[in-house]
Amino acid sequence: MIPAKWRLHQQRLDDAYMPASFPVFLKPEWGQNSVGIERADNEHQFRMLSRQMQNGPVQYLVQHAAPEAREFEIFTTFTGEASEHPDYLTVTETVNGTHKYPINGINNQDSKYCDITNTLTPSELTKISGYVREIGHFGQSRLSVRADTIEQLINGDFHVIEINLFTPMPIHLMDDKHSVFNKIRSALTVSGSLARVTRDMGHKPNAPAVFIRMTLYGRKHQAAQQALLERSVNSNVPVGKMQAANKNGNNAVNIHCS
């Protein structure tokens, strides 16, 4: 799905695999809001996490870290399979100065969001939405990418770290500079766009119940995470705390979004 120029190396976690370089991220095959993602900064951490995760019911993927310095979220809604112009488009920078490779998400108190959509010209936004369309004809999606600068993002010089397709959150609403009124108005606009996308999809007989599957998977994943935590009680570096151990490491950087 992701073109090679934007793709990071990733594969399913198994006993035989050992990354050639670090850090790497271990991600649930299905998931939302960065729940269950862990980072391994060295071989020892990777081996420990690998053993614990392979004993659980959830399949994990290993993804190499993107080399770029800044993280961006591209939210789009396209109505109509052939449409090349989005009904809705926002570009948001995720700011987190705690580590060079943070695990960002709405549940991470160190993750801050800066909506930069209005700083981009219509032609620049058109180029960015075109990259989303090049990856796939999604009705509604949020693309997470890393680029060194906004200019490189505009020019398509980035790596994709994640694609959110299951009713993705319009993350620009997390920007504190937006008033409550603007947030409500944006939420209604996004909901309207999603309704149009759903209408255009039409009725599909015997379509798989994705929402129910995601809900059941989430419950199974929560149980697996609890089991991991219980098994790691006696370890030197508990699961979920590895990021904190490196919070003030030499690789920490400060990123500011104006």
C-alpha atoms as a PDB file:
ATOM      1  CA  MET A   1       0.000   0.000   0.000  1.00  0.00           C
ATOM      2  CA  ILE A   2       2.675   2.518   1.013  1.00  0.00           C
ATOM      3  CA  PRO A   3       5.070   3.353  -1.858  1.00  0.00           C
ATOM      4  CA  ALA A   4       8.668   2.312  -1.219  1.00  0.00           C
ATOM      5  CA  LYS A   5       9.898   5.920  -1.099  1.00  0.00           C
ATOM      6  CA  TRP A   6       7.795   6.563   2.028  1.00  0.00           C
ATOM      7  CA  ARG A   7       7.832   3.094   3.597  1.00  0.00           C
ATOM      8  CA  LEU A   8       9.668   2.096   6.770  1.00  0.00           C
ATOM      9  CA  HIS A   9      10.912  -1.445   7.215  1.00  0.00           C
ATOM     10  CA  GLN A  10       8.510  -3.474   9.296  1.00  0.00           C
ATOM     11  CA  GLN A  11       7.609  -7.108   9.786  1.00  0.00           C
ATOM     12  CA  ARG A  12       5.773  -9.395  12.147  1.00  0.00           C
ATOM     13  CA  LEU A  13       7.448 -10.090  15.450  1.00  0.00           C
ATOM     14  CA  ASP A  14       8.871 -13.614  15.736  1.00  0.00           C
ATOM     15  CA  ASP A  15      11.660 -15.492  17.515  1.00  0.00           C
ATOM     16  CA  ALA A  16      14.049 -15.367  14.584  1.00  0.00           C
ATOM     17  CA  TYR A  17      14.081 -11.633  13.969  1.00  0.00           C
ATOM     18  CA  MET A  18      16.642  -9.275  15.460  1.00  0.00           C
ATOM     19  CA  PRO A  19      16.788  -5.672  14.168  1.00  0.00           C
ATOM     20  CA  ALA A  20      20.070  -4.541  12.640  1.00  0.00           C
ATOM     21  CA  SER A  21      19.723  -1.121  14.284  1.00  0.00           C
ATOM     22  CA  PHE A  22      17.792   0.608  17.032  1.00  0.00           C
ATOM     23  CA  PRO A  23      15.464   2.053  18.119  1.00  0.00           C
ATOM     24  CA  VAL A  24      12.516   0.054  16.837  1.00  0.00           C
ATOM     25  CA  PHE A  25       8.848   0.213  17.743  1.00  0.00           C
ATOM     26  CA  LEU A  26       6.743  -2.805  18.616  1.00  0.00           C
ATOM     27  CA  LYS A  27       3.137  -2.177  17.629  1.00  0.00           C
ATOM     28  CA  PRO A  28      -0.070  -4.202  17.942  1.00  0.00           C
ATOM     29  CA  GLU A  29      -1.286  -5.361  14.546  1.00  0.00           C
ATOM     30  CA  TRP A  30      -4.542  -3.532  15.274  1.00  0.00           C
ATOM     31  CA  GLY A  31      -4.758  -0.594  17.608  1.00  0.00           C
ATOM     32  CA  GLN A  32      -5.747   2.993  18.251  1.00  0.00           C
ATOM     33  CA  ASN A  33      -4.303   6.036  20.018  1.00  0.00           C
ATOM     34  CA  SER A  34      -0.842   4.438  20.397  1.00  0.00           C
ATOM     35  CA  VAL A  35      -2.172   1.985  23.001  1.00  0.00           C
ATOM     36  CA  GLY A  36       0.196  -0.952  23.432  1.00  0.00           C
ATOM     37  CA  ILE A  37       3.120   0.511  21.465  1.00  0.00           C
ATOM     38  CA  GLU A  38       6.568   0.032  23.009  1.00  0.00           C
ATOM     39  CA  ARG A  39       9.996   1.259  21.944  1.00  0.00           C
ATOM     40  CA  ALA A  40      13.151  -0.837  22.220  1.00  0.00           C
ATOM     41  CA  ASP A  41      16.358   1.202  22.264  1.00  0.00           C
ATOM     42  CA  ASN A  42      18.771  -1.720  22.331  1.00  0.00           C
ATOM     43  CA  GLU A  43      19.014  -5.490  21.899  1.00  0.00           C
ATOM     44  CA  HIS A  44      18.379  -6.236  25.590  1.00  0.00           C
ATOM     45  CA  GLN A  45      15.111  -4.282  25.652  1.00  0.00           C
ATOM     46  CA  PHE A  46      14.036  -5.840  22.366  1.00  0.00           C
ATOM     47  CA  ARG A  47      14.630  -9.393  23.592  1.00  0.00           C
ATOM     48  CA  MET A  48      12.707  -8.761  26.803  1.00  0.00           C
ATOM     49  CA  LEU A  49       9.742  -7.151  25.055  1.00  0.00           C
ATOM     50  CA  SER A  50       9.759  -9.775  22.326  1.00  0.00           C
ATOM     51  CA  ARG A  51       9.526 -12.642  24.824  1.00  0.00           C
ATOM     52  CA  GLN A  52       6.687 -10.999  26.710  1.00  0.00           C
ATOM     53  CA  MET A  53       4.673 -10.019  23.640  1.00  0.00           C
ATOM     54  CA  GLN A  54       4.955 -13.368  21.908  1.00  0.00           C
ATOM     55  CA  ASN A  55       3.395 -15.050  24.939  1.00  0.00           C
ATOM     56  CA  GLY A  56       0.236 -12.965  24.565  1.00  0.00           C
ATOM     57  CA  PRO A  57      -2.808 -13.303  22.274  1.00  0.00           C
ATOM     58  CA  VAL A  58      -2.050 -10.120  20.282  1.00  0.00           C
ATOM     59  CA  GLN A  59       0.081 -10.170  17.140  1.00  0.00           C
ATOM     60  CA  TYR A  60       2.792  -7.477  17.102  1.00  0.00           C
ATOM     61  CA  LEU A  61       4.724  -5.771  14.339  1.00  0.00           C
ATOM     62  CA  VAL A  62       8.291  -4.454  14.497  1.00  0.00           C
ATOM     63  CA  GLN A  63       8.794  -1.097  12.783  1.00  0.00           C
ATOM     64  CA  HIS A  64      12.111   0.686  12.374  1.00  0.00           C
ATOM     65  CA  ALA A  65      12.240   4.303  13.515  1.00  0.00           C
ATOM     66  CA  ALA A  66      11.913   7.058  10.926  1.00  0.00           C
ATOM     67  CA  PRO A  67      15.126   9.125  10.693  1.00  0.00           C
ATOM     68  CA  GLU A  68      13.375  12.504  10.348  1.00  0.00           C
ATOM     69  CA  ALA A  69      13.083  14.935  13.264  1.00  0.00           C
ATOM     70  CA  ARG A  70       9.484  16.192  13.166  1.00  0.00           C
ATOM     71  CA  GLU A  71       6.109  14.466  13.222  1.00  0.00           C
ATOM     72  CA  PHE A  72       2.997  15.527  11.313  1.00  0.00           C
ATOM     73  CA  GLU A  73      -0.600  14.315  11.123  1.00  0.00           C
ATOM     74  CA  ILE A  74      -2.480  14.709   7.820  1.00  0.00           C
ATOM     75  CA  PHE A  75      -6.246  14.321   8.200  1.00  0.00           C
ATOM     76  CA  THR A  76      -8.344  14.037   5.036  1.00  0.00           C
ATOM     77  CA  THR A  77     -11.879  13.249   3.951  1.00  0.00           C
ATOM     78  CA  PHE A  78     -12.577  12.473   0.287  1.00  0.00           C
ATOM     79  CA  THR A  79     -16.144  12.101  -0.967  1.00  0.00           C
ATOM     80  CA  GLY A  80     -16.284   9.910  -4.033  1.00  0.00           C
ATOM     81  CA  GLU A  81     -13.816   7.287  -5.186  1.00  0.00           C
ATOM     82  CA  ALA A  82     -12.573   9.394  -8.089  1.00  0.00           C
ATOM     83  CA  SER A  83     -12.326  12.676  -6.208  1.00  0.00           C
ATOM     84  CA  GLU A  84      -8.869  14.226  -6.143  1.00  0.00           C
ATOM     85  CA  HIS A  85      -9.859  17.166  -3.942  1.00  0.00           C
ATOM     86  CA  PRO A  86     -10.575  16.541  -0.258  1.00  0.00           C
ATOM     87  CA  ASP A  87     -13.755  17.754   1.398  1.00  0.00           C
ATOM     88  CA  TYR A  88     -11.728  18.323   4.532  1.00  0.00           C
ATOM     89  CA  LEU A  89      -7.975  18.593   5.113  1.00  0.00           C
ATOM     90  CA  THR A  90      -5.870  19.566   8.092  1.00  0.00           C
ATOM     91  CA  VAL A  91      -2.147  19.316   8.783  1.00  0.00           C
ATOM     92  CA  THR A  92      -1.040  19.189  12.410  1.00  0.00           C
ATOM     93  CA  GLU A  93       2.430  19.018  13.915  1.00  0.00           C
ATOM     94  CA  THR A  94       2.906  16.799  16.958  1.00  0.00           C
ATOM     95  CA  VAL A  95       5.391  18.369  19.368  1.00  0.00           C
ATOM     96  CA  ASN A  96       7.157  16.360  22.066  1.00  0.00           C
ATOM     97  CA  GLY A  97      10.550  17.380  23.410  1.00  0.00           C
ATOM     98  CA  THR A  98      11.037  14.490  25.827  1.00  0.00           C
ATOM     99  CA  HIS A  99      12.858  12.180  23.427  1.00  0.00           C
ATOM    100  CA  LYS A 100      14.097  12.003  19.864  1.00  0.00           C
ATOM    101  CA  TYR A 101      11.696   9.113  19.219  1.00  0.00           C
ATOM    102  CA  PRO A 102       8.668   9.606  21.498  1.00  0.00           C
ATOM    103  CA  ILE A 103       5.538   7.483  21.418  1.00  0.00           C
ATOM    104  CA  ASN A 104       3.011  10.216  20.731  1.00  0.00           C
ATOM    105  CA  GLY A 105      -0.714   9.969  21.295  1.00  0.00           C
ATOM    106  CA  ILE A 106      -3.655  11.665  22.934  1.00  0.00           C
ATOM    107  CA  ASN A 107      -2.947   9.708  26.128  1.00  0.00           C
ATOM    108  CA  ASN A 108       0.646  10.991  26.303  1.00  0.00           C
ATOM    109  CA  GLN A 109       0.642  14.179  28.365  1.00  0.00           C
ATOM    110  CA  ASP A 110       3.913  15.277  26.734  1.00  0.00           C
ATOM    111  CA  SER A 111       2.393  15.228  23.241  1.00  0.00           C
ATOM    112  CA  LYS A 112       1.187  18.640  22.101  1.00  0.00           C
ATOM    113  CA  TYR A 113      -0.593  19.402  18.851  1.00  0.00           C
ATOM    114  CA  CYS A 114      -0.211  22.465  16.632  1.00  0.00           C
ATOM    115  CA  ASP A 115      -2.587  22.957  13.720  1.00  0.00           C
ATOM    116  CA  ILE A 116      -0.477  24.411  10.896  1.00  0.00           C
ATOM    117  CA  THR A 117      -3.118  24.151   8.157  1.00  0.00           C
ATOM    118  CA  ASN A 118      -3.603  27.909   7.876  1.00  0.00           C
ATOM    119  CA  THR A 119       0.140  28.479   7.437  1.00  0.00           C
ATOM    120  CA  LEU A 120       0.108  26.497   4.179  1.00  0.00           C
ATOM    121  CA  THR A 121      -0.963  27.824   0.802  1.00  0.00           C
ATOM    122  CA  PRO A 122      -3.771  26.187  -1.224  1.00  0.00           C
ATOM    123  CA  SER A 123      -1.209  24.787  -3.679  1.00  0.00           C
ATOM    124  CA  GLU A 124       0.860  23.309  -0.830  1.00  0.00           C
ATOM    125  CA  LEU A 125      -2.233  21.700   0.685  1.00  0.00           C
ATOM    126  CA  THR A 126      -3.120  20.287  -2.734  1.00  0.00           C
ATOM    127  CA  LYS A 127       0.320  18.669  -2.979  1.00  0.00           C
ATOM    128  CA  ILE A 128      -0.020  17.155   0.505  1.00  0.00           C
ATOM    129  CA  SER A 129      -3.505  15.758  -0.171  1.00  0.00           C
ATOM    130  CA  GLY A 130      -2.144  14.297  -3.391  1.00  0.00           C
ATOM    131  CA  TYR A 131       0.343  12.220  -1.407  1.00  0.00           C
ATOM    132  CA  VAL A 132      -2.535  10.757   0.611  1.00  0.00           C
ATOM    133  CA  ARG A 133      -4.343   9.869  -2.623  1.00  0.00           C
ATOM    134  CA  GLU A 134      -1.155   8.291  -3.995  1.00  0.00           C
ATOM    135  CA  ILE A 135      -1.083   5.926  -1.015  1.00  0.00           C
ATOM    136  CA  GLY A 136      -4.738   4.948  -1.241  1.00  0.00           C
ATOM    137  CA  HIS A 137      -8.249   6.120  -2.078  1.00  0.00           C
ATOM    138  CA  PHE A 138      -9.459   6.364   1.486  1.00  0.00           C
ATOM    139  CA  GLY A 139     -12.752   7.986   2.406  1.00  0.00           C
ATOM    140  CA  GLN A 140     -11.425   9.327   5.692  1.00  0.00           C
ATOM    141  CA  SER A 141      -7.920   8.849   7.062  1.00  0.00           C
ATOM    142  CA  ARG A 142      -5.189  10.290   9.227  1.00  0.00           C
ATOM    143  CA  LEU A 143      -1.667   9.831   7.960  1.00  0.00           C
ATOM    144  CA  SER A 144       1.187  10.081  10.481  1.00  0.00           C
ATOM    145  CA  VAL A 145       4.514  10.997   8.886  1.00  0.00           C
ATOM    146  CA  ARG A 146       7.939  12.262   9.888  1.00  0.00           C
ATOM    147  CA  ALA A 147       9.859  14.931   7.959  1.00  0.00           C
ATOM    148  CA  ASP A 148      12.764  17.164   8.905  1.00  0.00           C
ATOM    149  CA  THR A 149      11.034  20.389   7.850  1.00  0.00           C
ATOM    150  CA  ILE A 150       7.644  21.625   6.674  1.00  0.00           C
ATOM    151  CA  GLU A 151       9.218  22.267   3.257  1.00  0.00           C
ATOM    152  CA  GLN A 152      10.258  18.628   3.008  1.00  0.00           C
ATOM    153  CA  LEU A 153       6.755  17.551   4.004  1.00  0.00           C
ATOM    154  CA  ILE A 154       5.324  19.700   1.200  1.00  0.00           C
ATOM    155  CA  ASN A 155       7.833  18.246  -1.281  1.00  0.00           C
ATOM    156  CA  GLY A 156       7.017  14.656  -0.319  1.00  0.00           C
ATOM    157  CA  ASP A 157      10.293  13.954   1.463  1.00  0.00           C
ATOM    158  CA  PHE A 158       8.995  12.014   4.468  1.00  0.00           C
ATOM    159  CA  HIS A 159       8.358   8.554   5.910  1.00  0.00           C
ATOM    160  CA  VAL A 160       4.960   7.177   6.884  1.00  0.00           C
ATOM    161  CA  ILE A 161       4.842   5.845  10.433  1.00  0.00           C
ATOM    162  CA  GLU A 162       1.138   5.042  10.622  1.00  0.00           C
ATOM    163  CA  ILE A 163      -2.162   5.156   8.723  1.00  0.00           C
ATOM    164  CA  ASN A 164      -5.354   5.490  10.754  1.00  0.00           C
ATOM    165  CA  LEU A 165      -8.429   4.418   8.785  1.00  0.00           C
ATOM    166  CA  PHE A 166     -11.015   3.364  11.366  1.00  0.00           C
ATOM    167  CA  THR A 167     -12.894   6.625  12.159  1.00  0.00           C
ATOM    168  CA  PRO A 168      -9.634   8.484  12.823  1.00  0.00           C
ATOM    169  CA  MET A 169      -9.704  11.402  15.225  1.00  0.00           C
ATOM    170  CA  PRO A 170      -9.203  14.852  13.623  1.00  0.00           C
ATOM    171  CA  ILE A 171      -6.169  15.503  15.790  1.00  0.00           C
ATOM    172  CA  HIS A 172      -6.039  19.250  15.066  1.00  0.00           C
ATOM    173  CA  LEU A 173      -8.904  19.600  17.555  1.00  0.00           C
ATOM    174  CA  MET A 174      -6.324  18.939  20.284  1.00  0.00           C
ATOM    175  CA  ASP A 175      -4.642  22.277  19.522  1.00  0.00           C
ATOM    176  CA  ASP A 176      -5.303  24.576  22.490  1.00  0.00           C
ATOM    177  CA  LYS A 177      -5.421  27.671  20.310  1.00  0.00           C
ATOM    178  CA  HIS A 178      -8.800  26.612  18.901  1.00  0.00           C
ATOM    179  CA  SER A 179     -11.804  27.905  20.804  1.00  0.00           C
ATOM    180  CA  VAL A 180     -14.532  25.558  21.999  1.00  0.00           C
ATOM    181  CA  PHE A 181     -16.838  27.034  19.351  1.00  0.00           C
ATOM    182  CA  ASN A 182     -14.330  26.301  16.571  1.00  0.00           C
ATOM    183  CA  LYS A 183     -13.777  22.783  17.855  1.00  0.00           C
ATOM    184  CA  ILE A 184     -17.497  22.062  17.853  1.00  0.00           C
ATOM    185  CA  ARG A 185     -17.888  23.540  14.379  1.00  0.00           C
ATOM    186  CA  SER A 186     -14.960  21.469  13.069  1.00  0.00           C
ATOM    187  CA  ALA A 187     -16.307  18.305  14.699  1.00  0.00           C
ATOM    188  CA  LEU A 188     -19.694  18.842  13.038  1.00  0.00           C
ATOM    189  CA  THR A 189     -18.017  19.458   9.666  1.00  0.00           C
ATOM    190  CA  VAL A 190     -15.952  16.278   9.979  1.00  0.00           C
ATOM    191  CA  SER A 191     -19.040  14.301  11.021  1.00  0.00           C
ATOM    192  CA  GLY A 192     -20.898  15.612   7.987  1.00  0.00           C
ATOM    193  CA  SER A 193     -18.029  14.623   5.701  1.00  0.00           C
ATOM    194  CA  LEU A 194     -17.934  11.131   7.208  1.00  0.00           C
ATOM    195  CA  ALA A 195     -21.698  10.798   6.673  1.00  0.00           C
ATOM    196  CA  ARG A 196     -21.256  11.656   2.986  1.00  0.00           C
ATOM    197  CA  VAL A 197     -18.412   9.161   2.663  1.00  0.00           C
ATOM    198  CA  THR A 198     -20.571   6.466   4.262  1.00  0.00           C
ATOM    199  CA  ARG A 199     -23.501   7.309   1.975  1.00  0.00           C
ATOM    200  CA  ASP A 200     -21.328   7.088  -1.122  1.00  0.00           C
ATOM    201  CA  MET A 201     -20.040   3.674  -0.108  1.00  0.00           C
ATOM    202  CA  GLY A 202     -23.539   2.250  -0.463  1.00  0.00           C
ATOM    203  CA  HIS A 203     -24.887  -0.896   1.150  1.00  0.00           C
ATOM    204  CA  LYS A 204     -22.628  -3.941   1.034  1.00  0.00           C
ATOM    205  CA  PRO A 205     -24.407  -7.218   1.821  1.00  0.00           C
ATOM    206  CA  ASN A 206     -22.579  -9.486   4.262  1.00  0.00           C
ATOM    207  CA  ALA A 207     -19.928  -6.855   4.931  1.00  0.00           C
ATOM    208  CA  PRO A 208     -17.693  -7.812   7.899  1.00  0.00           C
ATOM    209  CA  ALA A 209     -18.636  -6.212  11.229  1.00  0.00           C
ATOM    210  CA  VAL A 210     -15.452  -4.181  11.606  1.00  0.00           C
ATOM    211  CA  PHE A 211     -16.659  -2.118  14.581  1.00  0.00           C
ATOM    212  CA  ILE A 212     -17.529  -5.219  16.610  1.00  0.00           C
ATOM    213  CA  ARG A 213     -14.227  -6.863  15.685  1.00  0.00           C
ATOM    214  CA  MET A 214     -12.298  -3.751  16.718  1.00  0.00           C
ATOM    215  CA  THR A 215     -14.176  -3.589  20.032  1.00  0.00           C
ATOM    216  CA  LEU A 216     -13.501  -7.235  20.813  1.00  0.00           C
ATOM    217  CA  TYR A 217      -9.888  -6.863  19.764  1.00  0.00           C
ATOM    218  CA  GLY A 218      -9.507  -3.847  22.048  1.00  0.00           C
ATOM    219  CA  ARG A 219     -10.789  -5.833  25.000  1.00  0.00           C
ATOM    220  CA  LYS A 220      -8.456  -8.707  24.189  1.00  0.00           C
ATOM    221  CA  HIS A 221      -5.573  -6.254  23.853  1.00  0.00           C
ATOM    222  CA  GLN A 222      -6.294  -4.685  27.261  1.00  0.00           C
ATOM    223  CA  ALA A 223      -6.215  -8.133  28.826  1.00  0.00           C
ATOM    224  CA  ALA A 224      -2.941  -8.905  27.071  1.00  0.00           C
ATOM    225  CA  GLN A 225      -1.394  -5.644  28.270  1.00  0.00           C
ATOM    226  CA  GLN A 226      -2.407  -6.414  31.836  1.00  0.00           C
ATOM    227  CA  ALA A 227      -0.822  -9.845  31.526  1.00  0.00           C
ATOM    228  CA  LEU A 228       2.389  -8.256  30.238  1.00  0.00           C
ATOM    229  CA  LEU A 229       2.490  -5.887  33.187  1.00  0.00           C
ATOM    230  CA  GLU A 230       1.952  -8.711  35.648  1.00  0.00           C
ATOM    231  CA  ARG A 231       4.738 -10.778  34.079  1.00  0.00           C
ATOM    232  CA  SER A 232       7.121  -7.813  34.172  1.00  0.00           C
ATOM    233  CA  VAL A 233       6.696  -7.010  37.873  1.00  0.00           C
ATOM    234  CA  ASN A 234      10.002  -8.635  38.750  1.00  0.00           C
ATOM    235  CA  SER A 235      11.950  -7.314  35.751  1.00  0.00           C
ATOM    236  CA  ASN A 236      14.477  -4.516  36.029  1.00  0.00           C
ATOM    237  CA  VAL A 237      12.741  -2.410  33.383  1.00  0.00           C
ATOM    238  CA  PRO A 238       8.938  -2.805  33.576  1.00  0.00           C
ATOM    239  CA  VAL A 239       6.922  -2.831  30.379  1.00  0.00           C
ATOM    240  CA  GLY A 240       5.594   0.624  29.618  1.00  0.00           C
ATOM    241  CA  LYS A 241       8.382   2.373  31.541  1.00  0.00           C
ATOM    242  CA  MET A 242      11.204   2.087  29.031  1.00  0.00           C
ATOM    243  CA  GLN A 243      10.301   5.399  27.455  1.00  0.00           C
ATOM    244  CA  ALA A 244      10.482   7.147  30.814  1.00  0.00           C
ATOM    245  CA  ALA A 245      13.906   5.659  31.454  1.00  0.00           C
ATOM    246  CA  ASN A 246      15.203   7.455  28.359  1.00  0.00           C
ATOM    247  CA  LYS A 247      13.201  10.644  28.824  1.00  0.00           C
ATOM    248  CA  ASN A 248      16.213  12.768  29.641  1.00  0.00           C
ATOM    249  CA  GLY A 249      18.743  10.867  27.565  1.00  0.00           C
ATOM    250  CA  ASN A 250      21.376  12.342  25.291  1.00  0.00           C
ATOM    251  CA  ASN A 251      19.070  12.019  22.305  1.00  0.00           C
ATOM    252  CA  ALA A 252      16.423  14.329  23.743  1.00  0.00           C
ATOM    253  CA  VAL A 253      15.498  17.232  21.502  1.00  0.00           C
ATOM    254  CA  ASN A 254      13.341  20.316  21.850  1.00  0.00           C
ATOM    255  CA  ILE A 255      10.819  20.941  19.110  1.00  0.00           C
ATOM    256  CA  HIS A 256       8.764  24.113  19.065  1.00  0.00           C
ATOM    257  CA  CYS A 257       5.717  24.738  16.945  1.00  0.00           C
ATOM    258  CA  SER A 258       4.769  28.360  16.430  1.00  0.00           C
END
